[in-house]
Amino acid sequence: MICMKNLIISSLCILCLIGCQKNDIEVHNGDNTSLPKLTEAWLVINYWADWCPPCLKEMPELVEFANQNKDINVYAFNFDQLDIEDLDPQIKRFGVDIPSMLTYPGDIWGMESPQTLPATYFISTEGVVVKSLFKPQTAETLNVILSEVRDQKSVSYTHLRAHETRG
């Protein structure tokens, strides 16, 4: 009787764990994901639109940046929040060769829609927006900024750890 009860409890716990690992962030041209998975690495989200010439000029740079930094997650997000049927042809036409987040980033990280495009956000492994850019970038400038925000986090963490050991 006790063995059966333990088996039932264990089974329910496993089902709960599986249910909690739901991929609730929709991604096109990539795997759906979840917030815990996204916080495993730095995250860069770029807002773009087909009516934004600087966005279209920037897109190959963003793709190059993503290819150079496989250790981070880089997503495009269509500002107009198009349905997949409308988004897919634009992705192909404009060379958006990185995963496109379909879930609105503002709902996840509390960001408001940018007033200008393109807009690029760097989000730390703690889920904090640490840098917001509101103009076109190159792969080179994105790499410089990634290094800067990583270094700032490293310096802040080192300072925090040193302060904790002294206190």
Foldseek 3Di string as FASTA:
>chain_A
DVVVVVVVVVVVVVVVVVVVQDQPWDKDPDDRHHLLVQLVAKEKEKEDEPVDVLRLVQQVQQVVLCVVCVRHAYEYEYLVLDDCVVVVVVCVVSVNNHMHTNPDVCVVLVDDRDPAPTKMFIAHSVRHGPDIDHGRDGSVVVVVVVVVVVVVVVVVVVVVVVVVVVD
